[in-house]
C-alpha atoms as a PDB file:
ATOM      1  CA  MET A   1       8.631  29.016  43.543  1.00  0.00           C
ATOM      2  CA  PRO A   2       9.527  28.577  39.740  1.00  0.00           C
ATOM      3  CA  GLN A   3       6.441  29.300  37.467  1.00  0.00           C
ATOM      4  CA  THR A   4       5.004  26.454  35.624  1.00  0.00           C
ATOM      5  CA  SER A   5       5.114  27.092  31.633  1.00  0.00           C
ATOM      6  CA  LYS A   6       1.652  26.807  30.067  1.00  0.00           C
ATOM      7  CA  ASN A   7       2.814  24.377  27.906  1.00  0.00           C
ATOM      8  CA  SER A   8       3.535  21.999  30.396  1.00  0.00           C
ATOM      9  CA  GLU A   9       0.293  22.459  32.063  1.00  0.00           C
ATOM     10  CA  LYS A  10      -1.746  21.739  29.012  1.00  0.00           C
ATOM     11  CA  LYS A  11      -3.092  17.884  28.502  1.00  0.00           C
ATOM     12  CA  MET A  12      -2.703  16.725  24.938  1.00  0.00           C
ATOM     13  CA  GLU A  13      -5.911  15.714  23.025  1.00  0.00           C
ATOM     14  CA  TYR A  14      -6.292  12.118  21.359  1.00  0.00           C
ATOM     15  CA  LYS A  15      -8.693  10.440  19.473  1.00  0.00           C
ATOM     16  CA  ARG A  16      -9.955   7.468  20.865  1.00  0.00           C
ATOM     17  CA  VAL A  17      -9.411   4.343  18.422  1.00  0.00           C
ATOM     18  CA  ARG A  18      -9.825   0.908  18.349  1.00  0.00           C
ATOM     19  CA  PHE A  19      -6.426  -0.885  17.125  1.00  0.00           C
ATOM     20  CA  ASP A  20      -6.241  -4.426  17.008  1.00  0.00           C
ATOM     21  CA  VAL A  21      -3.310  -5.771  15.364  1.00  0.00           C
ATOM     22  CA  ASN A  22      -4.341  -9.254  14.385  1.00  0.00           C
ATOM     23  CA  GLU A  23      -7.525  -7.803  12.603  1.00  0.00           C
ATOM     24  CA  ILE A  24      -6.751  -6.554   9.043  1.00  0.00           C
ATOM     25  CA  THR A  25      -9.224  -5.474   6.821  1.00  0.00           C
ATOM     26  CA  PRO A  26      -9.021  -6.881   3.295  1.00  0.00           C
ATOM     27  CA  ASP A  27      -8.570  -4.223   0.593  1.00  0.00           C
ATOM     28  CA  ALA A  28     -11.838  -4.633  -1.007  1.00  0.00           C
ATOM     29  CA  PRO A  29     -14.833  -6.744  -0.290  1.00  0.00           C
ATOM     30  CA  ALA A  30     -15.688  -9.612  -2.782  1.00  0.00           C
ATOM     31  CA  GLY A  31     -17.763  -8.233  -5.517  1.00  0.00           C
ATOM     32  CA  GLU A  32     -17.880  -6.964  -9.138  1.00  0.00           C
ATOM     33  CA  TRP A  33     -15.872  -4.030 -10.316  1.00  0.00           C
ATOM     34  CA  LYS A  34     -14.983  -1.659 -13.035  1.00  0.00           C
ATOM     35  CA  VAL A  35     -11.560  -1.596 -12.753  1.00  0.00           C
ATOM     36  CA  SER A  36      -8.278   0.125 -14.852  1.00  0.00           C
ATOM     37  CA  ILE A  37      -4.818  -0.902 -15.258  1.00  0.00           C
ATOM     38  CA  PRO A  38      -2.661   2.329 -14.581  1.00  0.00           C
ATOM     39  CA  ARG A  39       0.038   3.167 -17.013  1.00  0.00           C
ATOM     40  CA  GLY A  40       3.670   3.111 -15.977  1.00  0.00           C
ATOM     41  CA  LYS A  41       3.383   0.696 -12.976  1.00  0.00           C
ATOM     42  CA  CYS A  42       3.601  -2.821 -14.189  1.00  0.00           C
ATOM     43  CA  LYS A  43       6.432  -4.676 -12.994  1.00  0.00           C
ATOM     44  CA  VAL A  44       8.878  -7.394 -13.913  1.00  0.00           C
ATOM     45  CA  GLN A  45      11.095  -9.329 -11.585  1.00  0.00           C
ATOM     46  CA  PRO A  46      12.200 -12.815 -10.500  1.00  0.00           C
ATOM     47  CA  THR A  47      10.380 -14.840  -8.055  1.00  0.00           C
ATOM     48  CA  LYS A  48      12.365 -15.442  -4.635  1.00  0.00           C
ATOM     49  CA  GLU A  49      13.311 -18.666  -4.976  1.00  0.00           C
ATOM     50  CA  ASP A  50      13.312 -19.835  -8.777  1.00  0.00           C
ATOM     51  CA  HIS A  51      13.741 -16.881 -10.149  1.00  0.00           C
ATOM     52  CA  TYR A  52      10.923 -17.333 -12.568  1.00  0.00           C
ATOM     53  CA  PRO A  53       9.896 -13.773 -14.586  1.00  0.00           C
ATOM     54  CA  MET A  54       6.914 -12.713 -12.790  1.00  0.00           C
ATOM     55  CA  LEU A  55       4.300  -9.673 -14.004  1.00  0.00           C
ATOM     56  CA  ILE A  56       2.785  -7.488 -11.414  1.00  0.00           C
ATOM     57  CA  VAL A  57      -0.206  -5.949 -12.940  1.00  0.00           C
ATOM     58  CA  PRO A  58      -1.904  -3.420 -10.864  1.00  0.00           C
ATOM     59  CA  ILE A  59      -5.715  -3.068 -10.594  1.00  0.00           C
ATOM     60  CA  ARG A  60      -7.237   0.084  -9.757  1.00  0.00           C
ATOM     61  CA  ILE A  61     -11.003  -0.020  -8.806  1.00  0.00           C
ATOM     62  CA  GLU A  62     -12.670   2.754 -10.710  1.00  0.00           C
ATOM     63  CA  GLY A  63     -16.287   2.047  -9.572  1.00  0.00           C
ATOM     64  CA  THR A  64     -18.930  -0.598  -9.136  1.00  0.00           C
ATOM     65  CA  GLU A  65     -22.836  -1.140  -8.727  1.00  0.00           C
ATOM     66  CA  GLU A  66     -22.548  -3.285  -5.364  1.00  0.00           C
ATOM     67  CA  ASP A  67     -24.373  -1.473  -2.950  1.00  0.00           C
ATOM     68  CA  GLY A  68     -22.951  -0.998   0.834  1.00  0.00           C
ATOM     69  CA  ASP A  69     -20.357   1.330   2.531  1.00  0.00           C
ATOM     70  CA  GLU A  70     -17.550  -1.036   2.248  1.00  0.00           C
ATOM     71  CA  TYR A  71     -17.758  -1.104  -1.476  1.00  0.00           C
ATOM     72  CA  THR A  72     -17.945   2.840  -1.615  1.00  0.00           C
ATOM     73  CA  LYS A  73     -14.795   3.071   0.190  1.00  0.00           C
ATOM     74  CA  ALA A  74     -12.956   0.707  -1.881  1.00  0.00           C
ATOM     75  CA  ILE A  75     -13.411   2.757  -4.938  1.00  0.00           C
ATOM     76  CA  GLY A  76      -9.832   3.993  -5.772  1.00  0.00           C
ATOM     77  CA  ALA A  77      -8.081   1.091  -3.990  1.00  0.00           C
ATOM     78  CA  GLU A  78      -5.192  -0.284  -6.139  1.00  0.00           C
ATOM     79  CA  LEU A  79      -4.945  -4.243  -6.280  1.00  0.00           C
ATOM     80  CA  SER A  80      -2.347  -6.552  -7.911  1.00  0.00           C
ATOM     81  CA  THR A  81      -2.333  -9.660  -9.571  1.00  0.00           C
ATOM     82  CA  MET A  82       0.698 -11.853 -10.337  1.00  0.00           C
ATOM     83  CA  ILE A  83       1.352 -13.699 -13.532  1.00  0.00           C
ATOM     84  CA  VAL A  84       4.457 -16.421 -13.005  1.00  0.00           C
ATOM     85  CA  PHE A  85       6.015 -17.502 -16.386  1.00  0.00           C
ATOM     86  CA  PHE A  86       7.180 -21.126 -15.267  1.00  0.00           C
ATOM     87  CA  GLY A  87       9.216 -23.295 -17.313  1.00  0.00           C
ATOM     88  CA  ASP A  88       7.936 -27.010 -18.883  1.00  0.00           C
ATOM     89  CA  GLU A  89       9.672 -28.454 -15.552  1.00  0.00           C
ATOM     90  CA  LYS A  90       6.653 -26.898 -13.760  1.00  0.00           C
ATOM     91  CA  ALA A  91       3.990 -28.029 -15.998  1.00  0.00           C
ATOM     92  CA  ARG A  92       1.022 -27.769 -13.181  1.00  0.00           C
ATOM     93  CA  ALA A  93       1.983 -24.180 -12.142  1.00  0.00           C
ATOM     94  CA  ALA A  94       2.670 -23.288 -15.930  1.00  0.00           C
ATOM     95  CA  ARG A  95      -0.866 -24.406 -16.820  1.00  0.00           C
ATOM     96  CA  MET A  96      -2.260 -22.409 -14.062  1.00  0.00           C
ATOM     97  CA  SER A  97      -0.343 -19.064 -14.861  1.00  0.00           C
ATOM     98  CA  LYS A  98      -1.307 -19.589 -18.618  1.00  0.00           C
ATOM     99  CA  LEU A  99      -5.002 -19.746 -17.805  1.00  0.00           C
ATOM    100  CA  ARG A 100      -4.952 -16.946 -15.558  1.00  0.00           C
ATOM    101  CA  LEU A 101      -3.050 -14.825 -18.143  1.00  0.00           C
ATOM    102  CA  ARG A 102      -5.742 -15.943 -21.060  1.00  0.00           C
ATOM    103  CA  GLN A 103      -8.448 -14.576 -18.868  1.00  0.00           C
ATOM    104  CA  LEU A 104      -6.825 -11.373 -18.100  1.00  0.00           C
ATOM    105  CA  CYS A 105      -6.071 -11.014 -21.680  1.00  0.00           C
ATOM    106  CA  GLU A 106      -9.666 -11.758 -22.507  1.00  0.00           C
ATOM    107  CA  ALA A 107     -10.886  -9.585 -19.775  1.00  0.00           C
ATOM    108  CA  ALA A 108      -8.983  -6.565 -21.211  1.00  0.00           C
ATOM    109  CA  ASP A 109      -9.185  -7.324 -24.887  1.00  0.00           C
ATOM    110  CA  VAL A 110      -5.523  -7.686 -25.270  1.00  0.00           C
ATOM    111  CA  ASP A 111      -4.574  -9.991 -28.397  1.00  0.00           C
ATOM    112  CA  LEU A 112      -2.384 -13.036 -27.094  1.00  0.00           C
ATOM    113  CA  ASP A 113      -0.092 -12.427 -30.147  1.00  0.00           C
ATOM    114  CA  VAL A 114       1.757  -9.932 -27.959  1.00  0.00           C
ATOM    115  CA  VAL A 115       2.290 -12.663 -25.298  1.00  0.00           C
ATOM    116  CA  PRO A 116       6.415 -14.010 -25.764  1.00  0.00           C
ATOM    117  CA  THR A 117       7.039 -17.481 -25.970  1.00  0.00           C
ATOM    118  CA  ASP A 118      10.459 -17.272 -25.239  1.00  0.00           C
ATOM    119  CA  LEU A 119      11.840 -15.354 -22.345  1.00  0.00           C
ATOM    120  CA  GLU A 120      15.189 -14.553 -22.680  1.00  0.00           C
ATOM    121  CA  ASP A 121      15.464 -11.103 -21.533  1.00  0.00           C
ATOM    122  CA  PRO A 122      12.046 -10.654 -19.584  1.00  0.00           C
ATOM    123  CA  GLU A 123      12.010  -6.989 -19.157  1.00  0.00           C
ATOM    124  CA  ASN A 124      12.106  -6.517 -22.452  1.00  0.00           C
ATOM    125  CA  ASP A 125      10.096  -9.680 -23.757  1.00  0.00           C
ATOM    126  CA  LEU A 126       7.119  -8.435 -21.896  1.00  0.00           C
ATOM    127  CA  ASP A 127       7.231  -4.840 -22.769  1.00  0.00           C
ATOM    128  CA  PRO A 128       4.556  -5.549 -25.530  1.00  0.00           C
ATOM    129  CA  LEU A 129       2.457  -7.369 -23.461  1.00  0.00           C
ATOM    130  CA  ILE A 130       2.620  -4.441 -20.563  1.00  0.00           C
ATOM    131  CA  ARG A 131       2.171  -1.686 -23.404  1.00  0.00           C
ATOM    132  CA  ALA A 132      -1.058  -3.563 -24.745  1.00  0.00           C
ATOM    133  CA  LEU A 133      -2.869  -3.958 -20.808  1.00  0.00           C
ATOM    134  CA  GLU A 134      -1.608  -0.426 -19.712  1.00  0.00           C
ATOM    135  CA  GLY A 135      -4.693   2.080 -19.753  1.00  0.00           C
ATOM    136  CA  LYS A 136      -7.286  -0.866 -20.405  1.00  0.00           C
ATOM    137  CA  LYS A 137     -10.768  -0.602 -18.552  1.00  0.00           C
ATOM    138  CA  PHE A 138     -12.913  -3.496 -17.898  1.00  0.00           C
ATOM    139  CA  THR A 139     -14.575  -5.613 -15.397  1.00  0.00           C
ATOM    140  CA  CYS A 140     -13.136  -8.066 -12.734  1.00  0.00           C
ATOM    141  CA  TRP A 141     -14.439  -9.490  -9.606  1.00  0.00           C
ATOM    142  CA  THR A 142     -12.755 -10.247  -6.255  1.00  0.00           C
ATOM    143  CA  LYS A 143     -13.175 -13.078  -3.850  1.00  0.00           C
ATOM    144  CA  LEU A 144     -11.601 -13.212  -0.406  1.00  0.00           C
ATOM    145  CA  THR A 145      -8.951 -15.714   0.904  1.00  0.00           C
ATOM    146  CA  GLN A 146      -7.181 -16.691   3.843  1.00  0.00           C
ATOM    147  CA  ARG A 147      -3.606 -17.010   4.098  1.00  0.00           C
ATOM    148  CA  LYS A 148      -2.587 -20.196   5.512  1.00  0.00           C
ATOM    149  CA  ASP A 149       0.741 -18.775   7.275  1.00  0.00           C
ATOM    150  CA  THR A 150      -1.099 -15.760   9.317  1.00  0.00           C
ATOM    151  CA  GLY A 151      -4.598 -16.391   9.068  1.00  0.00           C
ATOM    152  CA  GLU A 152      -5.055 -12.820   7.372  1.00  0.00           C
ATOM    153  CA  THR A 153      -8.056 -12.485   5.183  1.00  0.00           C
ATOM    154  CA  THR A 154      -6.811 -10.897   1.799  1.00  0.00           C
ATOM    155  CA  THR A 155      -8.467  -9.808  -1.613  1.00  0.00           C
ATOM    156  CA  GLU A 156      -8.003 -12.149  -4.597  1.00  0.00           C
ATOM    157  CA  VAL A 157      -8.372 -10.456  -7.961  1.00  0.00           C
ATOM    158  CA  VAL A 158     -10.161 -12.760 -10.613  1.00  0.00           C
ATOM    159  CA  PHE A 159     -11.035 -12.247 -14.332  1.00  0.00           C
ATOM    160  CA  VAL A 160     -14.194 -14.389 -14.343  1.00  0.00           C
ATOM    161  CA  ASN A 161     -17.232 -14.303 -12.475  1.00  0.00           C
ATOM    162  CA  PRO A 162     -16.756 -16.687  -9.858  1.00  0.00           C
ATOM    163  CA  ASN A 163     -20.373 -17.092  -8.817  1.00  0.00           C
ATOM    164  CA  LYS A 164     -21.389 -18.172 -12.309  1.00  0.00           C
ATOM    165  CA  PRO A 165     -21.510 -21.930 -12.807  1.00  0.00           C
ATOM    166  CA  LEU A 166     -19.841 -23.735 -15.916  1.00  0.00           C
ATOM    167  CA  ALA A 167     -22.677 -23.590 -18.522  1.00  0.00           C
ATOM    168  CA  VAL A 168     -22.851 -26.349 -21.555  1.00  0.00           C
ATOM    169  CA  GLN A 169     -22.399 -24.266 -24.995  1.00  0.00           C
ATOM    170  CA  SER A 170     -24.606 -24.303 -27.459  1.00  0.00           C
ATOM    171  CA  ASP A 171     -23.949 -25.332 -31.199  1.00  0.00           C
ATOM    172  CA  ASP A 172     -24.023 -21.527 -32.204  1.00  0.00           C
ATOM    173  CA  GLU A 173     -21.289 -20.773 -29.329  1.00  0.00           C
ATOM    174  CA  ASP A 174     -19.130 -23.544 -30.687  1.00  0.00           C
ATOM    175  CA  GLU A 175     -19.188 -22.296 -34.246  1.00  0.00           C
ATOM    176  CA  GLY A 176     -18.575 -18.731 -32.976  1.00  0.00           C
ATOM    177  CA  GLU A 177     -15.558 -20.050 -31.118  1.00  0.00           C
ATOM    178  CA  ASP A 178     -14.399 -21.868 -34.211  1.00  0.00           C
ATOM    179  CA  GLU A 179     -14.184 -18.735 -36.238  1.00  0.00           C
ATOM    180  CA  ALA A 180     -12.331 -16.632 -33.438  1.00  0.00           C
ATOM    181  CA  PRO A 181      -9.224 -14.814 -34.910  1.00  0.00           C
ATOM    182  CA  ARG A 182      -5.918 -16.792 -33.804  1.00  0.00           C
ATOM    183  CA  GLY A 183      -4.117 -15.449 -30.985  1.00  0.00           C
ATOM    184  CA  ARG A 184      -7.160 -14.078 -29.616  1.00  0.00           C
ATOM    185  CA  GLY A 185      -8.086 -15.661 -26.226  1.00  0.00           C
ATOM    186  CA  ARG A 186     -11.318 -17.385 -26.181  1.00  0.00           C
ATOM    187  CA  ALA A 187     -13.758 -16.644 -23.409  1.00  0.00           C
ATOM    188  CA  PRO A 188     -13.749 -19.277 -20.809  1.00  0.00           C
ATOM    189  CA  ALA A 189     -16.422 -21.724 -20.353  1.00  0.00           C
ATOM    190  CA  GLY A 190     -19.361 -19.922 -18.077  1.00  0.00           C
ATOM    191  CA  ARG A 191     -18.158 -16.526 -19.186  1.00  0.00           C
ATOM    192  CA  ALA A 192     -21.337 -14.399 -20.113  1.00  0.00           C
ATOM    193  CA  LYS A 193     -21.074 -12.484 -23.256  1.00  0.00           C
ATOM    194  CA  GLY A 194     -20.625  -9.028 -22.667  1.00  0.00           C
ATOM    195  CA  ALA A 195     -19.064  -9.859 -19.220  1.00  0.00           C
ATOM    196  CA  GLY A 196     -16.276  -7.131 -20.025  1.00  0.00           C
ATOM    197  CA  THR A 197     -18.884  -4.457 -20.264  1.00  0.00           C
ATOM    198  CA  SER A 198     -21.098  -2.293 -17.656  1.00  0.00           C
ATOM    199  CA  ASN A 199     -24.978  -3.030 -17.269  1.00  0.00           C
ATOM    200  CA  GLY A 200     -25.372   0.574 -15.871  1.00  0.00           C
ATOM    201  CA  ARG A 201     -23.728   3.391 -14.793  1.00  0.00           C
ATOM    202  CA  ALA A 202     -20.924   2.858 -12.360  1.00  0.00           C
ATOM    203  CA  ARG A 203     -20.796   4.407  -8.854  1.00  0.00           C
ATOM    204  CA  ARG A 204     -17.785   7.233  -8.969  1.00  0.00           C
END
């Protein structure tokens, strides 16, 4: 009778796991974060359908003051935000993109003068904006949204506090805005002063 090898007799050991392909955990929960824009990772590429220039900005989570294990696990995760430079024929979409870009620049303390008004060679034209954004550290927020096509819950990065209601500005605030230097994005209504700074030590 042939001798059976020890390898064939040994049963492999596996860790028991729960794997539901229909259940995908978001990259990060909704909350407030200390983030940075890593150097060398911003990308410029055309949109799939109409080939509009699109800037993809990575957002790395550096810390948070939120409590909970899900927040601790999200530290170090890299999210992304996309800015599409639509033409005048897409007026509504262009307006939304401009507002989002202004909010990003305001949060990261980047002067709007580095944003090109005419994009003939997007990869080169957007280089000053990219260089101004890379390396910046600031505060942003995340909220959870559900995709209509797949039902997947995804994490969206926003640059103004989504939980803060719009506030009526005082006369002093109006005067402060009027004196804001040209080219610098003004704070959107409802953005608290100092929202881009930490109120305490972030968890690392």
